[in-house]
């Protein structure tokens, strides 16, 4: 990973954003609280947490590179991270 990419991810993480933070969180389906992914139940309401992380949910709603999982713009033809050509048919599941 290029140095500029590492710096960008560190800056995102410093403010609680980015894929590395999102992979460590789950969202309670009942109350919407974000909970560390190691928890099995929501500490706020006691609801059983889904297995998917916040990043998994985000990926289902956005176009992603099939090679490196980078989130892409809807009209992207190539991945900005790895350069792989992305099919125009790459699905974006709006209701996932």
PDB file of N, CA and C in Angstrom:
ATOM      1  N   UNK A   1       0.857  -1.173   0.000  1.00  0.00           N
ATOM      2  CA  UNK A   1       0.000   0.000   0.000  1.00  0.00           C
ATOM      3  C   UNK A   1       0.903   1.235   0.000  1.00  0.00           C
ATOM      4  N   UNK A   2       0.643   2.177  -0.920  1.00  0.00           N
ATOM      5  CA  UNK A   2       1.450   3.398  -0.986  1.00  0.00           C
ATOM      6  C   UNK A   2       1.352   4.205   0.312  1.00  0.00           C
ATOM      7  N   UNK A   3       2.372   4.988   0.575  1.00  0.00           N
ATOM      8  CA  UNK A   3       2.431   5.789   1.799  1.00  0.00           C
ATOM      9  C   UNK A   3       1.241   6.736   1.910  1.00  0.00           C
ATOM     10  N   UNK A   4       0.846   7.366   0.801  1.00  0.00           N
ATOM     11  CA  UNK A   4      -0.286   8.298   0.861  1.00  0.00           C
ATOM     12  C   UNK A   4      -1.575   7.580   1.262  1.00  0.00           C
ATOM     13  N   UNK A   5      -1.730   6.338   0.823  1.00  0.00           N
ATOM     14  CA  UNK A   5      -2.912   5.545   1.190  1.00  0.00           C
ATOM     15  C   UNK A   5      -2.895   5.233   2.684  1.00  0.00           C
ATOM     16  N   UNK A   6      -1.727   4.891   3.211  1.00  0.00           N
ATOM     17  CA  UNK A   6      -1.609   4.599   4.648  1.00  0.00           C
ATOM     18  C   UNK A   6      -1.929   5.834   5.484  1.00  0.00           C
ATOM     19  N   UNK A   7      -1.437   6.989   5.057  1.00  0.00           N
ATOM     20  CA  UNK A   7      -1.709   8.236   5.773  1.00  0.00           C
ATOM     21  C   UNK A   7      -3.199   8.549   5.734  1.00  0.00           C
ATOM     22  N   UNK A   8      -3.829   8.350   4.577  1.00  0.00           N
ATOM     23  CA  UNK A   8      -5.263   8.615   4.448  1.00  0.00           C
ATOM     24  C   UNK A   8      -6.066   7.723   5.392  1.00  0.00           C
ATOM     25  N   UNK A   9      -5.728   6.427   5.447  1.00  0.00           N
ATOM     26  CA  UNK A   9      -6.435   5.505   6.344  1.00  0.00           C
ATOM     27  C   UNK A   9      -6.209   5.875   7.808  1.00  0.00           C
ATOM     28  N   UNK A  10      -5.000   6.275   8.161  1.00  0.00           N
ATOM     29  CA  UNK A  10      -4.712   6.675   9.544  1.00  0.00           C
ATOM     30  C   UNK A  10      -5.531   7.904   9.923  1.00  0.00           C
ATOM     31  N   UNK A  11      -5.632   8.868   9.005  1.00  0.00           N
ATOM     32  CA  UNK A  11      -6.434  10.064   9.282  1.00  0.00           C
ATOM     33  C   UNK A  11      -7.910   9.713   9.439  1.00  0.00           C
ATOM     34  N   UNK A  12      -8.412   8.828   8.604  1.00  0.00           N
ATOM     35  CA  UNK A  12      -9.800   8.385   8.740  1.00  0.00           C
ATOM     36  C   UNK A  12     -10.025   7.716  10.088  1.00  0.00           C
ATOM     37  N   UNK A  13      -9.122   6.834  10.470  1.00  0.00           N
ATOM     38  CA  UNK A  13      -9.250   6.098  11.729  1.00  0.00           C
ATOM     39  C   UNK A  13      -9.171   7.021  12.942  1.00  0.00           C
ATOM     40  N   UNK A  14      -8.373   8.054  12.833  1.00  0.00           N
ATOM     41  CA  UNK A  14      -8.229   8.993  13.944  1.00  0.00           C
ATOM     42  C   UNK A  14      -9.568   9.632  14.302  1.00  0.00           C
ATOM     43  N   UNK A  15     -10.440   9.768  13.321  1.00  0.00           N
ATOM     44  CA  UNK A  15     -11.751  10.362  13.555  1.00  0.00           C
ATOM     45  C   UNK A  15     -12.875   9.329  13.610  1.00  0.00           C
ATOM     46  N   UNK A  16     -12.506   8.037  13.665  1.00  0.00           N
ATOM     47  CA  UNK A  16     -13.500   6.982  13.809  1.00  0.00           C
ATOM     48  C   UNK A  16     -14.138   6.520  12.517  1.00  0.00           C
ATOM     49  N   UNK A  17     -13.484   6.758  11.381  1.00  0.00           N
ATOM     50  CA  UNK A  17     -14.021   6.377  10.084  1.00  0.00           C
ATOM     51  C   UNK A  17     -13.062   5.432   9.369  1.00  0.00           C
ATOM     52  N   UNK A  18     -13.483   4.965   8.198  1.00  0.00           N
ATOM     53  CA  UNK A  18     -12.636   4.140   7.357  1.00  0.00           C
ATOM     54  C   UNK A  18     -12.953   2.664   7.476  1.00  0.00           C
ATOM     55  N   UNK A  19     -12.473   1.888   6.503  1.00  0.00           N
ATOM     56  CA  UNK A  19     -12.810   0.463   6.463  1.00  0.00           C
ATOM     57  C   UNK A  19     -12.298  -0.321   7.658  1.00  0.00           C
ATOM     58  N   UNK A  20     -11.140   0.021   8.188  1.00  0.00           N
ATOM     59  CA  UNK A  20     -10.612  -0.738   9.320  1.00  0.00           C
ATOM     60  C   UNK A  20     -11.468  -0.566  10.570  1.00  0.00           C
ATOM     61  N   UNK A  21     -12.020   0.613  10.768  1.00  0.00           N
ATOM     62  CA  UNK A  21     -12.930   0.858  11.899  1.00  0.00           C
ATOM     63  C   UNK A  21     -14.270   0.174  11.631  1.00  0.00           C
ATOM     64  N   UNK A  22     -14.779   0.305  10.409  1.00  0.00           N
ATOM     65  CA  UNK A  22     -16.081  -0.271  10.063  1.00  0.00           C
ATOM     66  C   UNK A  22     -16.078  -1.797  10.174  1.00  0.00           C
ATOM     67  N   UNK A  23     -14.939  -2.428   9.949  1.00  0.00           N
ATOM     68  CA  UNK A  23     -14.842  -3.888  10.061  1.00  0.00           C
ATOM     69  C   UNK A  23     -14.905  -4.350  11.510  1.00  0.00           C
ATOM     70  N   UNK A  24     -14.756  -3.438  12.450  1.00  0.00           N
ATOM     71  CA  UNK A  24     -14.770  -3.779  13.878  1.00  0.00           C
ATOM     72  C   UNK A  24     -16.104  -3.457  14.542  1.00  0.00           C
ATOM     73  N   UNK A  25     -17.086  -3.023  13.762  1.00  0.00           N
ATOM     74  CA  UNK A  25     -18.376  -2.624  14.335  1.00  0.00           C
ATOM     75  C   UNK A  25     -19.543  -3.373  13.706  1.00  0.00           C
ATOM     76  N   UNK A  26     -20.576  -3.593  14.511  1.00  0.00           N
ATOM     77  CA  UNK A  26     -21.852  -4.113  14.033  1.00  0.00           C
ATOM     78  C   UNK A  26     -22.937  -3.144  14.478  1.00  0.00           C
ATOM     79  N   UNK A  27     -24.084  -3.216  13.821  1.00  0.00           N
ATOM     80  CA  UNK A  27     -25.195  -2.320  14.141  1.00  0.00           C
ATOM     81  C   UNK A  27     -26.360  -3.148  14.662  1.00  0.00           C
ATOM     82  N   UNK A  28     -26.897  -2.727  15.795  1.00  0.00           N
ATOM     83  CA  UNK A  28     -28.051  -3.419  16.372  1.00  0.00           C
ATOM     84  C   UNK A  28     -29.267  -3.182  15.484  1.00  0.00           C
ATOM     85  N   UNK A  29     -29.953  -4.254  15.076  1.00  0.00           N
ATOM     86  CA  UNK A  29     -31.128  -4.091  14.215  1.00  0.00           C
ATOM     87  C   UNK A  29     -32.322  -3.466  14.937  1.00  0.00           C
ATOM     88  N   UNK A  30     -32.345  -3.525  16.246  1.00  0.00           N
ATOM     89  CA  UNK A  30     -33.481  -2.982  16.995  1.00  0.00           C
ATOM     90  C   UNK A  30     -33.289  -1.499  17.328  1.00  0.00           C
ATOM     91  N   UNK A  31     -32.163  -1.142  17.941  1.00  0.00           N
ATOM     92  CA  UNK A  31     -31.997   0.241  18.412  1.00  0.00           C
ATOM     93  C   UNK A  31     -31.000   1.063  17.595  1.00  0.00           C
ATOM     94  N   UNK A  32     -30.237   0.424  16.702  1.00  0.00           N
ATOM     95  CA  UNK A  32     -29.312   1.146  15.845  1.00  0.00           C
ATOM     96  C   UNK A  32     -27.969   1.489  16.463  1.00  0.00           C
ATOM     97  N   UNK A  33     -27.727   1.037  17.679  1.00  0.00           N
ATOM     98  CA  UNK A  33     -26.449   1.317  18.346  1.00  0.00           C
ATOM     99  C   UNK A  33     -25.315   0.578  17.640  1.00  0.00           C
ATOM    100  N   UNK A  34     -24.155   1.239  17.493  1.00  0.00           N
ATOM    101  CA  UNK A  34     -22.985   0.558  16.949  1.00  0.00           C
ATOM    102  C   UNK A  34     -22.254  -0.114  18.100  1.00  0.00           C
ATOM    103  N   UNK A  35     -21.875  -1.367  17.865  1.00  0.00           N
ATOM    104  CA  UNK A  35     -21.289  -2.205  18.912  1.00  0.00           C
ATOM    105  C   UNK A  35     -20.045  -2.880  18.344  1.00  0.00           C
ATOM    106  N   UNK A  36     -19.036  -3.060  19.153  1.00  0.00           N
ATOM    107  CA  UNK A  36     -17.826  -3.775  18.731  1.00  0.00           C
ATOM    108  C   UNK A  36     -18.217  -5.142  18.184  1.00  0.00           C
ATOM    109  N   UNK A  37     -17.542  -5.573  17.128  1.00  0.00           N
ATOM    110  CA  UNK A  37     -17.937  -6.796  16.423  1.00  0.00           C
ATOM    111  C   UNK A  37     -17.751  -8.067  17.242  1.00  0.00           C
ATOM    112  N   UNK A  38     -17.012  -8.014  18.327  1.00  0.00           N
ATOM    113  CA  UNK A  38     -16.823  -9.212  19.162  1.00  0.00           C
ATOM    114  C   UNK A  38     -18.031  -9.493  20.044  1.00  0.00           C
ATOM    115  N   UNK A  39     -18.887  -8.507  20.235  1.00  0.00           N
ATOM    116  CA  UNK A  39     -20.080  -8.689  21.065  1.00  0.00           C
ATOM    117  C   UNK A  39     -21.117  -9.515  20.304  1.00  0.00           C
ATOM    118  N   UNK A  40     -21.908 -10.277  21.036  1.00  0.00           N
ATOM    119  CA  UNK A  40     -22.955 -11.075  20.397  1.00  0.00           C
ATOM    120  C   UNK A  40     -24.346 -10.481  20.628  1.00  0.00           C
ATOM    121  N   UNK A  41     -24.479  -9.672  21.690  1.00  0.00           N
ATOM    122  CA  UNK A  41     -25.752  -9.033  22.007  1.00  0.00           C
ATOM    123  C   UNK A  41     -25.539  -7.534  22.204  1.00  0.00           C
ATOM    124  N   UNK A  42     -26.555  -6.752  21.894  1.00  0.00           N
ATOM    125  CA  UNK A  42     -26.489  -5.310  22.059  1.00  0.00           C
ATOM    126  C   UNK A  42     -26.510  -4.961  23.550  1.00  0.00           C
ATOM    127  N   UNK A  43     -25.548  -4.183  24.028  1.00  0.00           N
ATOM    128  CA  UNK A  43     -25.545  -3.808  25.448  1.00  0.00           C
ATOM    129  C   UNK A  43     -26.661  -2.816  25.798  1.00  0.00           C
ATOM    130  N   UNK A  44     -27.221  -2.151  24.793  1.00  0.00           N
ATOM    131  CA  UNK A  44     -28.272  -1.166  25.013  1.00  0.00           C
ATOM    132  C   UNK A  44     -29.645  -1.817  25.195  1.00  0.00           C
ATOM    133  N   UNK A  45     -30.012  -2.747  24.285  1.00  0.00           N
ATOM    134  CA  UNK A  45     -31.368  -3.310  24.313  1.00  0.00           C
ATOM    135  C   UNK A  45     -31.402  -4.833  24.448  1.00  0.00           C
ATOM    136  N   UNK A  46     -30.235  -5.497  24.364  1.00  0.00           N
ATOM    137  CA  UNK A  46     -30.182  -6.945  24.530  1.00  0.00           C
ATOM    138  C   UNK A  46     -30.462  -7.750  23.265  1.00  0.00           C
ATOM    139  N   UNK A  47     -30.727  -7.082  22.140  1.00  0.00           N
ATOM    140  CA  UNK A  47     -31.015  -7.766  20.878  1.00  0.00           C
ATOM    141  C   UNK A  47     -29.786  -8.536  20.390  1.00  0.00           C
ATOM    142  N   UNK A  48     -30.027  -9.706  19.791  1.00  0.00           N
ATOM    143  CA  UNK A  48     -28.952 -10.488  19.176  1.00  0.00           C
ATOM    144  C   UNK A  48     -28.415  -9.717  17.976  1.00  0.00           C
ATOM    145  N   UNK A  49     -27.091  -9.571  17.881  1.00  0.00           N
ATOM    146  CA  UNK A  49     -26.482  -8.809  16.797  1.00  0.00           C
ATOM    147  C   UNK A  49     -26.301  -9.669  15.555  1.00  0.00           C
ATOM    148  N   UNK A  50     -26.453  -9.079  14.365  1.00  0.00           N
ATOM    149  CA  UNK A  50     -26.211  -9.819  13.124  1.00  0.00           C
ATOM    150  C   UNK A  50     -24.724 -10.122  12.990  1.00  0.00           C
ATOM    151  N   UNK A  51     -24.386 -11.089  12.152  1.00  0.00           N
ATOM    152  CA  UNK A  51     -22.991 -11.454  11.954  1.00  0.00           C
ATOM    153  C   UNK A  51     -22.245 -10.463  11.068  1.00  0.00           C
ATOM    154  N   UNK A  52     -22.964  -9.749  10.204  1.00  0.00           N
ATOM    155  CA  UNK A  52     -22.277  -8.831   9.300  1.00  0.00           C
ATOM    156  C   UNK A  52     -21.843  -7.558  10.018  1.00  0.00           C
ATOM    157  N   UNK A  53     -20.697  -7.043   9.601  1.00  0.00           N
ATOM    158  CA  UNK A  53     -20.152  -5.827  10.188  1.00  0.00           C
ATOM    159  C   UNK A  53     -20.716  -4.609   9.462  1.00  0.00           C
ATOM    160  N   UNK A  54     -20.414  -3.446   9.989  1.00  0.00           N
ATOM    161  CA  UNK A  54     -20.826  -2.208   9.347  1.00  0.00           C
ATOM    162  C   UNK A  54     -20.221  -2.108   7.946  1.00  0.00           C
ATOM    163  N   UNK A  55     -18.987  -2.580   7.777  1.00  0.00           N
ATOM    164  CA  UNK A  55     -18.336  -2.564   6.472  1.00  0.00           C
ATOM    165  C   UNK A  55     -19.049  -3.497   5.497  1.00  0.00           C
ATOM    166  N   UNK A  56     -19.484  -4.667   5.960  1.00  0.00           N
ATOM    167  CA  UNK A  56     -20.241  -5.594   5.108  1.00  0.00           C
ATOM    168  C   UNK A  56     -21.523  -4.927   4.602  1.00  0.00           C
ATOM    169  N   UNK A  57     -22.219  -4.251   5.488  1.00  0.00           N
ATOM    170  CA  UNK A  57     -23.453  -3.569   5.108  1.00  0.00           C
ATOM    171  C   UNK A  57     -23.175  -2.444   4.120  1.00  0.00           C
ATOM    172  N   UNK A  58     -22.107  -1.705   4.340  1.00  0.00           N
ATOM    173  CA  UNK A  58     -21.728  -0.606   3.457  1.00  0.00           C
ATOM    174  C   UNK A  58     -21.388  -1.125   2.062  1.00  0.00           C
ATOM    175  N   UNK A  59     -20.638  -2.220   2.004  1.00  0.00           N
ATOM    176  CA  UNK A  59     -20.243  -2.807   0.721  1.00  0.00           C
ATOM    177  C   UNK A  59     -21.453  -3.256  -0.091  1.00  0.00           C
ATOM    178  N   UNK A  60     -22.482  -3.771   0.566  1.00  0.00           N
ATOM    179  CA  UNK A  60     -23.664  -4.222  -0.157  1.00  0.00           C
ATOM    180  C   UNK A  60     -24.423  -3.069  -0.796  1.00  0.00           C
ATOM    181  N   UNK A  61     -24.228  -1.860  -0.315  1.00  0.00           N
ATOM    182  CA  UNK A  61     -24.948  -0.698  -0.838  1.00  0.00           C
ATOM    183  C   UNK A  61     -24.124   0.121  -1.827  1.00  0.00           C
ATOM    184  N   UNK A  62     -22.898  -0.296  -2.074  1.00  0.00           N
ATOM    185  CA  UNK A  62     -22.019   0.458  -2.963  1.00  0.00           C
ATOM    186  C   UNK A  62     -21.314  -0.470  -3.950  1.00  0.00           C
ATOM    187  N   UNK A  63     -20.880   0.097  -5.023  1.00  0.00           N
ATOM    188  CA  UNK A  63     -20.108  -0.648  -6.021  1.00  0.00           C
ATOM    189  C   UNK A  63     -18.702  -0.867  -5.459  1.00  0.00           C
ATOM    190  N   UNK A  64     -18.233  -2.117  -5.503  1.00  0.00           N
ATOM    191  CA  UNK A  64     -16.920  -2.469  -4.953  1.00  0.00           C
ATOM    192  C   UNK A  64     -16.080  -3.188  -5.996  1.00  0.00           C
ATOM    193  N   UNK A  65     -14.781  -3.032  -5.877  1.00  0.00           N
ATOM    194  CA  UNK A  65     -13.861  -3.779  -6.729  1.00  0.00           C
ATOM    195  C   UNK A  65     -13.897  -5.245  -6.307  1.00  0.00           C
ATOM    196  N   UNK A  66     -14.119  -6.169  -7.234  1.00  0.00           N
ATOM    197  CA  UNK A  66     -14.147  -7.587  -6.875  1.00  0.00           C
ATOM    198  C   UNK A  66     -12.779  -8.129  -6.490  1.00  0.00           C
ATOM    199  N   UNK A  67     -11.733  -7.401  -6.832  1.00  0.00           N
ATOM    200  CA  UNK A  67     -10.369  -7.845  -6.535  1.00  0.00           C
ATOM    201  C   UNK A  67      -9.900  -7.421  -5.142  1.00  0.00           C
ATOM    202  N   UNK A  68     -10.100  -6.131  -4.787  1.00  0.00           N
ATOM    203  CA  UNK A  68      -9.510  -5.620  -3.536  1.00  0.00           C
ATOM    204  C   UNK A  68     -10.521  -5.005  -2.568  1.00  0.00           C
ATOM    205  N   UNK A  69     -11.817  -5.052  -2.882  1.00  0.00           N
ATOM    206  CA  UNK A  69     -12.887  -4.535  -2.015  1.00  0.00           C
ATOM    207  C   UNK A  69     -12.903  -3.023  -1.846  1.00  0.00           C
ATOM    208  N   UNK A  70     -12.206  -2.295  -2.681  1.00  0.00           N
ATOM    209  CA  UNK A  70     -12.246  -0.835  -2.606  1.00  0.00           C
ATOM    210  C   UNK A  70     -13.621  -0.356  -3.050  1.00  0.00           C
ATOM    211  N   UNK A  71     -14.201   0.592  -2.320  1.00  0.00           N
ATOM    212  CA  UNK A  71     -15.483   1.171  -2.680  1.00  0.00           C
ATOM    213  C   UNK A  71     -15.255   2.113  -3.864  1.00  0.00           C
ATOM    214  N   UNK A  72     -16.105   1.994  -4.880  1.00  0.00           N
ATOM    215  CA  UNK A  72     -15.937   2.746  -6.120  1.00  0.00           C
ATOM    216  C   UNK A  72     -17.119   3.669  -6.364  1.00  0.00           C
ATOM    217  N   UNK A  73     -16.924   4.634  -7.236  1.00  0.00           N
ATOM    218  CA  UNK A  73     -18.038   5.475  -7.654  1.00  0.00           C
ATOM    219  C   UNK A  73     -18.936   4.637  -8.566  1.00  0.00           C
ATOM    220  N   UNK A  74     -20.213   4.955  -8.651  1.00  0.00           N
ATOM    221  CA  UNK A  74     -21.127   4.153  -9.468  1.00  0.00           C
ATOM    222  C   UNK A  74     -20.718   4.048 -10.939  1.00  0.00           C
ATOM    223  N   UNK A  75     -20.045   5.054 -11.470  1.00  0.00           N
ATOM    224  CA  UNK A  75     -19.671   5.040 -12.880  1.00  0.00           C
ATOM    225  C   UNK A  75     -18.230   4.571 -13.136  1.00  0.00           C
ATOM    226  N   UNK A  76     -17.544   4.082 -12.115  1.00  0.00           N
ATOM    227  CA  UNK A  76     -16.144   3.663 -12.262  1.00  0.00           C
ATOM    228  C   UNK A  76     -16.014   2.500 -13.243  1.00  0.00           C
ATOM    229  N   UNK A  77     -15.005   2.578 -14.098  1.00  0.00           N
ATOM    230  CA  UNK A  77     -14.707   1.497 -15.028  1.00  0.00           C
ATOM    231  C   UNK A  77     -13.459   0.733 -14.594  1.00  0.00           C
ATOM    232  N   UNK A  78     -12.633   1.389 -13.762  1.00  0.00           N
ATOM    233  CA  UNK A  78     -11.415   0.776 -13.233  1.00  0.00           C
ATOM    234  C   UNK A  78     -11.321   1.082 -11.748  1.00  0.00           C
ATOM    235  N   UNK A  79     -10.725   0.186 -10.999  1.00  0.00           N
ATOM    236  CA  UNK A  79     -10.526   0.390  -9.572  1.00  0.00           C
ATOM    237  C   UNK A  79      -9.414   1.411  -9.361  1.00  0.00           C
ATOM    238  N   UNK A  80      -9.669   2.390  -8.521  1.00  0.00           N
ATOM    239  CA  UNK A  80      -8.674   3.428  -8.246  1.00  0.00           C
ATOM    240  C   UNK A  80      -7.539   2.915  -7.363  1.00  0.00           C
ATOM    241  N   UNK A  81      -7.733   1.760  -6.739  1.00  0.00           N
ATOM    242  CA  UNK A  81      -6.710   1.200  -5.860  1.00  0.00           C
ATOM    243  C   UNK A  81      -5.804   0.206  -6.584  1.00  0.00           C
ATOM    244  N   UNK A  82      -6.396  -0.798  -7.244  1.00  0.00           N
ATOM    245  CA  UNK A  82      -5.582  -1.865  -7.851  1.00  0.00           C
ATOM    246  C   UNK A  82      -5.532  -1.792  -9.376  1.00  0.00           C
ATOM    247  N   UNK A  83      -6.382  -0.961  -9.981  1.00  0.00           N
ATOM    248  CA  UNK A  83      -6.369  -0.801 -11.432  1.00  0.00           C
ATOM    249  C   UNK A  83      -7.165  -1.827 -12.210  1.00  0.00           C
ATOM    250  N   UNK A  84      -7.788  -2.781 -11.528  1.00  0.00           N
ATOM    251  CA  UNK A  84      -8.558  -3.813 -12.211  1.00  0.00           C
ATOM    252  C   UNK A  84      -9.762  -3.191 -12.921  1.00  0.00           C
ATOM    253  N   UNK A  85     -10.033  -3.675 -14.128  1.00  0.00           N
ATOM    254  CA  UNK A  85     -11.216  -3.211 -14.847  1.00  0.00           C
ATOM    255  C   UNK A  85     -12.449  -3.747 -14.138  1.00  0.00           C
ATOM    256  N   UNK A  86     -13.418  -2.892 -13.954  1.00  0.00           N
ATOM    257  CA  UNK A  86     -14.640  -3.242 -13.234  1.00  0.00           C
ATOM    258  C   UNK A  86     -15.782  -3.287 -14.234  1.00  0.00           C
ATOM    259  N   UNK A  87     -16.543  -4.340 -14.177  1.00  0.00           N
ATOM    260  CA  UNK A  87     -17.673  -4.511 -15.072  1.00  0.00           C
ATOM    261  C   UNK A  87     -18.738  -3.459 -14.800  1.00  0.00           C
ATOM    262  N   UNK A  88     -19.365  -2.999 -15.843  1.00  0.00           N
ATOM    263  CA  UNK A  88     -20.484  -2.058 -15.685  1.00  0.00           C
ATOM    264  C   UNK A  88     -21.647  -2.743 -14.977  1.00  0.00           C
ATOM    265  N   UNK A  89     -21.638  -4.070 -14.957  1.00  0.00           N
ATOM    266  CA  UNK A  89     -22.718  -4.845 -14.335  1.00  0.00           C
ATOM    267  C   UNK A  89     -22.451  -5.173 -12.871  1.00  0.00           C
ATOM    268  N   UNK A  90     -21.372  -4.636 -12.299  1.00  0.00           N
ATOM    269  CA  UNK A  90     -21.096  -4.907 -10.888  1.00  0.00           C
ATOM    270  C   UNK A  90     -22.289  -4.456 -10.075  1.00  0.00           C
ATOM    271  N   UNK A  91     -22.907  -5.363  -9.320  1.00  0.00           N
ATOM    272  CA  UNK A  91     -24.160  -5.029  -8.635  1.00  0.00           C
ATOM    273  C   UNK A  91     -23.992  -4.081  -7.471  1.00  0.00           C
ATOM    274  N   UNK A  92     -24.994  -3.246  -7.288  1.00  0.00           N
ATOM    275  CA  UNK A  92     -25.119  -2.415  -6.094  1.00  0.00           C
ATOM    276  C   UNK A  92     -26.469  -2.799  -5.518  1.00  0.00           C
ATOM    277  N   UNK A  93     -26.468  -3.424  -4.350  1.00  0.00           N
ATOM    278  CA  UNK A  93     -27.712  -3.894  -3.747  1.00  0.00           C
ATOM    279  C   UNK A  93     -28.236  -2.824  -2.803  1.00  0.00           C
ATOM    280  N   UNK A  94     -29.206  -2.075  -3.235  1.00  0.00           N
ATOM    281  CA  UNK A  94     -29.723  -0.944  -2.475  1.00  0.00           C
ATOM    282  C   UNK A  94     -30.434  -1.352  -1.187  1.00  0.00           C
ATOM    283  N   UNK A  95     -31.118  -2.481  -1.183  1.00  0.00           N
ATOM    284  CA  UNK A  95     -31.932  -2.862  -0.034  1.00  0.00           C
ATOM    285  C   UNK A  95     -31.288  -3.914   0.848  1.00  0.00           C
ATOM    286  N   UNK A  96     -30.010  -4.144   0.712  1.00  0.00           N
ATOM    287  CA  UNK A  96     -29.345  -5.185   1.504  1.00  0.00           C
ATOM    288  C   UNK A  96     -29.125  -4.729   2.920  1.00  0.00           C
TER     289      UNK A  96
END
